[in-house]
Amino acid sequence: MSRDRGPETLPVALNRDRLNGVSVPDRFECVGQFRVGLENADSPVHVHLRFDGPLGQIVDTTASNHYLEPGDRMFVDVTVAELDDPVAGTLTVVTGHGSVEETVQITVAPLTGGPVEIDPAVTRPESDPTEADPPTPSLSDRVAAAVPTVDTGTALVVGFAVGALALAVTAQVTVASTSVTLGLAAVLAAVVAAGYTLRAG
């Protein structure tokens, strides 16, 4: 039982025209679960709700007997079993300890399934491993790539040329003579020739 109005409600007016009077529509149709809205206009009243026919086999309420004070409004939830086809029956509203009865023809239609939502993660194609971005080289790999590679032979030639040049310069400074100057020139020529050979190689 709930006191909040639902979207599909079967209205039942009590004590509106006379004591224990019941006013209901001739027919009521709904889809799935519905509510019975009881509204008492005057005088305390006991109400009994009875579902008959095939409808009585597929509906259920938390209680069949209800009591309302003057001015009370009450909503009775009616649960409906899962249906494949519409089911019809009657609801009888009884007041005055059985002295007054009113009947409503009710048809309940099955719930229709809505569109199925598909998870985008399920339909998204898996990424191709061959299209993955190449791995980022490490710092040590980048440093090694930036430093030029020098083979052993080249290093020996360069070292010999530098040593010979240093020795010749020292001799020229220490002994100032024509022969030493010529020797220095020869060493310089040899160093230049070695450098050219290395660049050409």
C-alpha atoms as a PDB file:
ATOM      1  CA  MET A   1       0.000   0.000   0.000  1.00  0.00           C
ATOM      2  CA  SER A   2       1.307   3.419  -0.915  1.00  0.00           C
ATOM      3  CA  ARG A   3       0.090   6.985  -0.509  1.00  0.00           C
ATOM      4  CA  ASP A   4       1.918   8.229  -3.646  1.00  0.00           C
ATOM      5  CA  ARG A   5      -0.092   8.457  -6.861  1.00  0.00           C
ATOM      6  CA  GLY A   6       1.115   6.167  -9.642  1.00  0.00           C
ATOM      7  CA  PRO A   7       0.819   6.642 -13.418  1.00  0.00           C
ATOM      8  CA  GLU A   8      -2.089   4.189 -13.912  1.00  0.00           C
ATOM      9  CA  THR A   9      -4.730   4.391 -11.200  1.00  0.00           C
ATOM     10  CA  LEU A  10      -8.242   2.981 -10.967  1.00  0.00           C
ATOM     11  CA  PRO A  11     -10.228   5.701  -9.112  1.00  0.00           C
ATOM     12  CA  VAL A  12     -12.747   4.689  -6.433  1.00  0.00           C
ATOM     13  CA  ALA A  13     -14.848   7.398  -4.732  1.00  0.00           C
ATOM     14  CA  LEU A  14     -16.384   6.558  -1.340  1.00  0.00           C
ATOM     15  CA  ASN A  15     -19.260   8.267   0.505  1.00  0.00           C
ATOM     16  CA  ARG A  16     -19.623  10.874  -2.228  1.00  0.00           C
ATOM     17  CA  ASP A  17     -23.386  10.678  -2.825  1.00  0.00           C
ATOM     18  CA  ARG A  18     -24.601   8.615   0.123  1.00  0.00           C
ATOM     19  CA  LEU A  19     -23.352   6.750   3.172  1.00  0.00           C
ATOM     20  CA  ASN A  20     -21.145   3.814   2.131  1.00  0.00           C
ATOM     21  CA  GLY A  21     -21.682   4.799  -1.490  1.00  0.00           C
ATOM     22  CA  VAL A  22     -19.138   3.597  -4.081  1.00  0.00           C
ATOM     23  CA  SER A  23     -18.465   5.275  -7.440  1.00  0.00           C
ATOM     24  CA  VAL A  24     -16.235   3.466  -9.970  1.00  0.00           C
ATOM     25  CA  PRO A  25     -15.767   3.598 -13.771  1.00  0.00           C
ATOM     26  CA  ASP A  26     -17.433   0.916 -15.883  1.00  0.00           C
ATOM     27  CA  ARG A  27     -14.144  -0.282 -17.368  1.00  0.00           C
ATOM     28  CA  PHE A  28     -10.441   0.075 -16.665  1.00  0.00           C
ATOM     29  CA  GLU A  29      -7.511  -0.947 -18.873  1.00  0.00           C
ATOM     30  CA  CYS A  30      -3.820  -0.857 -18.050  1.00  0.00           C
ATOM     31  CA  VAL A  31      -0.452  -2.356 -18.915  1.00  0.00           C
ATOM     32  CA  GLY A  32       1.241  -4.313 -16.153  1.00  0.00           C
ATOM     33  CA  GLN A  33       1.052  -3.161 -12.542  1.00  0.00           C
ATOM     34  CA  PHE A  34      -1.609  -0.630 -11.519  1.00  0.00           C
ATOM     35  CA  ARG A  35      -3.102   0.990  -8.410  1.00  0.00           C
ATOM     36  CA  VAL A  36      -6.519   1.345  -6.867  1.00  0.00           C
ATOM     37  CA  GLY A  37      -7.051   4.901  -5.644  1.00  0.00           C
ATOM     38  CA  LEU A  38      -9.481   5.112  -2.704  1.00  0.00           C
ATOM     39  CA  GLU A  39     -10.827   8.564  -1.803  1.00  0.00           C
ATOM     40  CA  ASN A  40     -13.259   8.966   1.087  1.00  0.00           C
ATOM     41  CA  ALA A  41     -15.448  12.064   0.996  1.00  0.00           C
ATOM     42  CA  ASP A  42     -17.356  11.643   4.277  1.00  0.00           C
ATOM     43  CA  SER A  43     -17.755   9.326   7.291  1.00  0.00           C
ATOM     44  CA  PRO A  44     -15.305   6.567   8.265  1.00  0.00           C
ATOM     45  CA  VAL A  45     -15.574   3.545   6.005  1.00  0.00           C
ATOM     46  CA  HIS A  46     -14.264  -0.019   5.756  1.00  0.00           C
ATOM     47  CA  VAL A  47     -13.476  -1.167   2.199  1.00  0.00           C
ATOM     48  CA  HIS A  48     -12.905  -4.678   0.873  1.00  0.00           C
ATOM     49  CA  LEU A  49     -11.326  -5.275  -2.561  1.00  0.00           C
ATOM     50  CA  ARG A  50     -12.009  -8.577  -4.353  1.00  0.00           C
ATOM     51  CA  PHE A  51     -10.574  -9.602  -7.727  1.00  0.00           C
ATOM     52  CA  ASP A  52     -12.532 -12.278  -9.600  1.00  0.00           C
ATOM     53  CA  GLY A  53     -12.190 -14.293 -12.799  1.00  0.00           C
ATOM     54  CA  PRO A  54      -8.852 -14.879 -14.550  1.00  0.00           C
ATOM     55  CA  LEU A  55      -7.680 -11.515 -13.209  1.00  0.00           C
ATOM     56  CA  GLY A  56      -7.822 -12.849  -9.651  1.00  0.00           C
ATOM     57  CA  GLN A  57      -5.224 -15.496 -10.539  1.00  0.00           C
ATOM     58  CA  ILE A  58      -2.543 -13.090 -11.784  1.00  0.00           C
ATOM     59  CA  VAL A  59      -2.821 -10.097  -9.401  1.00  0.00           C
ATOM     60  CA  ASP A  60      -1.866  -9.618  -5.775  1.00  0.00           C
ATOM     61  CA  THR A  61      -2.174  -6.871  -3.153  1.00  0.00           C
ATOM     62  CA  THR A  62      -0.578  -6.404   0.242  1.00  0.00           C
ATOM     63  CA  ALA A  63      -4.047  -6.288   1.843  1.00  0.00           C
ATOM     64  CA  SER A  64      -7.690  -6.625   0.800  1.00  0.00           C
ATOM     65  CA  ASN A  65      -9.333  -4.760   3.689  1.00  0.00           C
ATOM     66  CA  HIS A  66      -8.759  -1.052   4.263  1.00  0.00           C
ATOM     67  CA  TYR A  67     -10.070   1.640   6.588  1.00  0.00           C
ATOM     68  CA  LEU A  68     -10.356   5.318   5.682  1.00  0.00           C
ATOM     69  CA  GLU A  69     -11.224   8.332   7.811  1.00  0.00           C
ATOM     70  CA  PRO A  70     -13.185  11.249   6.322  1.00  0.00           C
ATOM     71  CA  GLY A  71     -11.032  13.055   3.741  1.00  0.00           C
ATOM     72  CA  ASP A  72      -8.489  10.215   3.510  1.00  0.00           C
ATOM     73  CA  ARG A  73      -6.915   9.255   0.182  1.00  0.00           C
ATOM     74  CA  MET A  74      -5.165   5.905  -0.200  1.00  0.00           C
ATOM     75  CA  PHE A  75      -3.470   4.086  -3.089  1.00  0.00           C
ATOM     76  CA  VAL A  76      -3.329   0.294  -3.078  1.00  0.00           C
ATOM     77  CA  ASP A  77      -0.579  -1.242  -5.234  1.00  0.00           C
ATOM     78  CA  VAL A  78      -1.679  -4.190  -7.366  1.00  0.00           C
ATOM     79  CA  THR A  79       1.154  -6.386  -8.626  1.00  0.00           C
ATOM     80  CA  VAL A  80       0.637  -8.374 -11.821  1.00  0.00           C
ATOM     81  CA  ALA A  81       2.323 -11.622 -12.826  1.00  0.00           C
ATOM     82  CA  GLU A  82       4.278 -11.805 -16.075  1.00  0.00           C
ATOM     83  CA  LEU A  83       1.845 -12.104 -18.975  1.00  0.00           C
ATOM     84  CA  ASP A  84       2.014 -13.296 -22.562  1.00  0.00           C
ATOM     85  CA  ASP A  85      -1.519 -12.171 -23.465  1.00  0.00           C
ATOM     86  CA  PRO A  86      -4.074  -9.707 -22.053  1.00  0.00           C
ATOM     87  CA  VAL A  87      -6.065 -10.946 -19.051  1.00  0.00           C
ATOM     88  CA  ALA A  88      -9.554  -9.716 -18.103  1.00  0.00           C
ATOM     89  CA  GLY A  89     -11.568  -9.948 -14.916  1.00  0.00           C
ATOM     90  CA  THR A  90     -13.431  -7.875 -12.367  1.00  0.00           C
ATOM     91  CA  LEU A  91     -12.743  -5.891  -9.234  1.00  0.00           C
ATOM     92  CA  THR A  92     -15.564  -5.732  -6.711  1.00  0.00           C
ATOM     93  CA  VAL A  93     -15.452  -2.910  -4.148  1.00  0.00           C
ATOM     94  CA  VAL A  94     -17.447  -3.768  -1.013  1.00  0.00           C
ATOM     95  CA  THR A  95     -18.449  -1.306   1.763  1.00  0.00           C
ATOM     96  CA  GLY A  96     -20.953  -1.174   4.621  1.00  0.00           C
ATOM     97  CA  HIS A  97     -19.934  -4.668   5.800  1.00  0.00           C
ATOM     98  CA  GLY A  98     -21.164  -6.202   2.544  1.00  0.00           C
ATOM     99  CA  SER A  99     -24.269  -4.069   2.079  1.00  0.00           C
ATOM    100  CA  VAL A 100     -22.885  -2.130  -0.919  1.00  0.00           C
ATOM    101  CA  GLU A 101     -20.981  -3.602  -3.875  1.00  0.00           C
ATOM    102  CA  GLU A 102     -19.760  -2.079  -7.135  1.00  0.00           C
ATOM    103  CA  THR A 103     -17.928  -3.975  -9.891  1.00  0.00           C
ATOM    104  CA  VAL A 104     -15.377  -2.783 -12.468  1.00  0.00           C
ATOM    105  CA  GLN A 105     -14.381  -4.658 -15.625  1.00  0.00           C
ATOM    106  CA  ILE A 106     -10.561  -4.686 -15.819  1.00  0.00           C
ATOM    107  CA  THR A 107      -8.243  -5.727 -18.651  1.00  0.00           C
ATOM    108  CA  VAL A 108      -4.500  -5.982 -18.026  1.00  0.00           C
ATOM    109  CA  ALA A 109      -2.170  -6.115 -21.035  1.00  0.00           C
ATOM    110  CA  PRO A 110       1.348  -7.591 -20.887  1.00  0.00           C
ATOM    111  CA  LEU A 111       4.361  -5.348 -20.754  1.00  0.00           C
ATOM    112  CA  THR A 112       6.067  -4.901 -24.110  1.00  0.00           C
ATOM    113  CA  GLY A 113       9.846  -5.159 -24.312  1.00  0.00           C
ATOM    114  CA  GLY A 114      11.656  -1.934 -25.114  1.00  0.00           C
ATOM    115  CA  PRO A 115      14.664  -1.578 -27.376  1.00  0.00           C
ATOM    116  CA  VAL A 116      17.720  -3.497 -26.251  1.00  0.00           C
ATOM    117  CA  GLU A 117      20.639  -1.246 -25.413  1.00  0.00           C
ATOM    118  CA  ILE A 118      23.960  -2.522 -26.706  1.00  0.00           C
ATOM    119  CA  ASP A 119      27.091  -1.751 -24.764  1.00  0.00           C
ATOM    120  CA  PRO A 120      29.465   0.158 -27.093  1.00  0.00           C
ATOM    121  CA  ALA A 121      32.380  -1.665 -25.457  1.00  0.00           C
ATOM    122  CA  VAL A 122      31.004  -4.968 -26.786  1.00  0.00           C
ATOM    123  CA  THR A 123      30.682  -3.811 -30.402  1.00  0.00           C
ATOM    124  CA  ARG A 124      33.944  -1.854 -30.529  1.00  0.00           C
ATOM    125  CA  PRO A 125      36.535  -3.844 -32.590  1.00  0.00           C
ATOM    126  CA  GLU A 126      39.701  -4.833 -30.843  1.00  0.00           C
ATOM    127  CA  SER A 127      42.781  -2.884 -31.860  1.00  0.00           C
ATOM    128  CA  ASP A 128      45.281  -4.599 -34.163  1.00  0.00           C
ATOM    129  CA  PRO A 129      48.545  -5.283 -32.282  1.00  0.00           C
ATOM    130  CA  THR A 130      50.483  -4.572 -35.511  1.00  0.00           C
ATOM    131  CA  GLU A 131      49.100  -1.022 -35.552  1.00  0.00           C
ATOM    132  CA  ALA A 132      50.265  -0.201 -32.055  1.00  0.00           C
ATOM    133  CA  ASP A 133      52.639   2.733 -31.591  1.00  0.00           C
ATOM    134  CA  PRO A 134      56.348   1.772 -31.464  1.00  0.00           C
ATOM    135  CA  PRO A 135      57.849   1.737 -27.967  1.00  0.00           C
ATOM    136  CA  THR A 136      59.614   4.898 -26.824  1.00  0.00           C
ATOM    137  CA  PRO A 137      63.408   4.365 -26.696  1.00  0.00           C
ATOM    138  CA  SER A 138      65.034   4.646 -23.294  1.00  0.00           C
ATOM    139  CA  LEU A 139      67.418   7.449 -22.305  1.00  0.00           C
ATOM    140  CA  SER A 140      70.464   5.174 -22.596  1.00  0.00           C
ATOM    141  CA  ASP A 141      69.442   4.147 -26.132  1.00  0.00           C
ATOM    142  CA  ARG A 142      69.048   7.797 -27.195  1.00  0.00           C
ATOM    143  CA  VAL A 143      72.473   8.736 -25.769  1.00  0.00           C
ATOM    144  CA  ALA A 144      74.152   5.782 -27.511  1.00  0.00           C
ATOM    145  CA  ALA A 145      72.553   6.745 -30.828  1.00  0.00           C
ATOM    146  CA  ALA A 146      73.755  10.361 -30.497  1.00  0.00           C
ATOM    147  CA  VAL A 147      77.452   9.429 -29.921  1.00  0.00           C
ATOM    148  CA  PRO A 148      79.274   8.530 -33.197  1.00  0.00           C
ATOM    149  CA  THR A 149      80.996   5.156 -33.364  1.00  0.00           C
ATOM    150  CA  VAL A 150      84.794   5.231 -33.862  1.00  0.00           C
ATOM    151  CA  ASP A 151      86.576   2.035 -34.845  1.00  0.00           C
ATOM    152  CA  THR A 152      89.927   1.007 -33.259  1.00  0.00           C
ATOM    153  CA  GLY A 153      92.081   1.691 -36.341  1.00  0.00           C
ATOM    154  CA  THR A 154      90.848   5.239 -36.682  1.00  0.00           C
ATOM    155  CA  ALA A 155      91.457   5.919 -33.009  1.00  0.00           C
ATOM    156  CA  LEU A 156      95.066   4.679 -33.288  1.00  0.00           C
ATOM    157  CA  VAL A 157      95.831   6.840 -36.343  1.00  0.00           C
ATOM    158  CA  VAL A 158      94.363   9.940 -34.708  1.00  0.00           C
ATOM    159  CA  GLY A 159      96.295   9.292 -31.503  1.00  0.00           C
ATOM    160  CA  PHE A 160      99.569   8.802 -33.382  1.00  0.00           C
ATOM    161  CA  ALA A 161      99.092  11.994 -35.407  1.00  0.00           C
ATOM    162  CA  VAL A 162      98.299  14.071 -32.327  1.00  0.00           C
ATOM    163  CA  GLY A 163     101.336  12.686 -30.488  1.00  0.00           C
ATOM    164  CA  ALA A 164     103.670  13.334 -33.410  1.00  0.00           C
ATOM    165  CA  LEU A 165     102.350  16.863 -33.818  1.00  0.00           C
ATOM    166  CA  ALA A 166     102.856  17.613 -30.126  1.00  0.00           C
ATOM    167  CA  LEU A 167     106.431  16.256 -30.252  1.00  0.00           C
ATOM    168  CA  ALA A 168     107.288  18.324 -33.326  1.00  0.00           C
ATOM    169  CA  VAL A 169     105.912  21.520 -31.810  1.00  0.00           C
ATOM    170  CA  THR A 170     107.922  20.923 -28.638  1.00  0.00           C
ATOM    171  CA  ALA A 171     111.110  20.391 -30.641  1.00  0.00           C
ATOM    172  CA  GLN A 172     110.543  23.569 -32.679  1.00  0.00           C
ATOM    173  CA  VAL A 173     110.112  25.617 -29.530  1.00  0.00           C
ATOM    174  CA  THR A 174     113.147  24.077 -27.842  1.00  0.00           C
ATOM    175  CA  VAL A 175     115.551  23.996 -30.809  1.00  0.00           C
ATOM    176  CA  ALA A 176     114.993  26.744 -33.361  1.00  0.00           C
ATOM    177  CA  SER A 177     116.623  25.396 -36.529  1.00  0.00           C
ATOM    178  CA  THR A 178     115.812  24.947 -40.188  1.00  0.00           C
ATOM    179  CA  SER A 179     115.914  21.152 -39.999  1.00  0.00           C
ATOM    180  CA  VAL A 180     113.472  21.088 -37.136  1.00  0.00           C
ATOM    181  CA  THR A 181     111.165  23.465 -38.999  1.00  0.00           C
ATOM    182  CA  LEU A 182     111.225  21.194 -42.038  1.00  0.00           C
ATOM    183  CA  GLY A 183     110.494  18.209 -39.819  1.00  0.00           C
ATOM    184  CA  LEU A 184     107.531  20.039 -38.281  1.00  0.00           C
ATOM    185  CA  ALA A 185     106.233  20.819 -41.765  1.00  0.00           C
ATOM    186  CA  ALA A 186     106.516  17.144 -42.701  1.00  0.00           C
ATOM    187  CA  VAL A 187     104.618  16.103 -39.584  1.00  0.00           C
ATOM    188  CA  LEU A 188     101.873  18.625 -40.302  1.00  0.00           C
ATOM    189  CA  ALA A 189     101.602  17.310 -43.848  1.00  0.00           C
ATOM    190  CA  ALA A 190     101.330  13.764 -42.525  1.00  0.00           C
ATOM    191  CA  VAL A 191      98.591  14.787 -40.074  1.00  0.00           C
ATOM    192  CA  VAL A 192      96.634  16.551 -42.832  1.00  0.00           C
ATOM    193  CA  ALA A 193      96.993  13.514 -45.104  1.00  0.00           C
ATOM    194  CA  ALA A 194      95.816  11.196 -42.326  1.00  0.00           C
ATOM    195  CA  GLY A 195      92.797  13.396 -41.638  1.00  0.00           C
ATOM    196  CA  TYR A 196      91.855  13.464 -45.318  1.00  0.00           C
ATOM    197  CA  THR A 197      92.198   9.682 -45.509  1.00  0.00           C
ATOM    198  CA  LEU A 198      89.906   9.234 -42.485  1.00  0.00           C
ATOM    199  CA  ARG A 199      87.239  11.529 -43.954  1.00  0.00           C
ATOM    200  CA  ALA A 200      87.425   9.776 -47.313  1.00  0.00           C
ATOM    201  CA  GLY A 201      87.034   6.390 -45.579  1.00  0.00           C
END
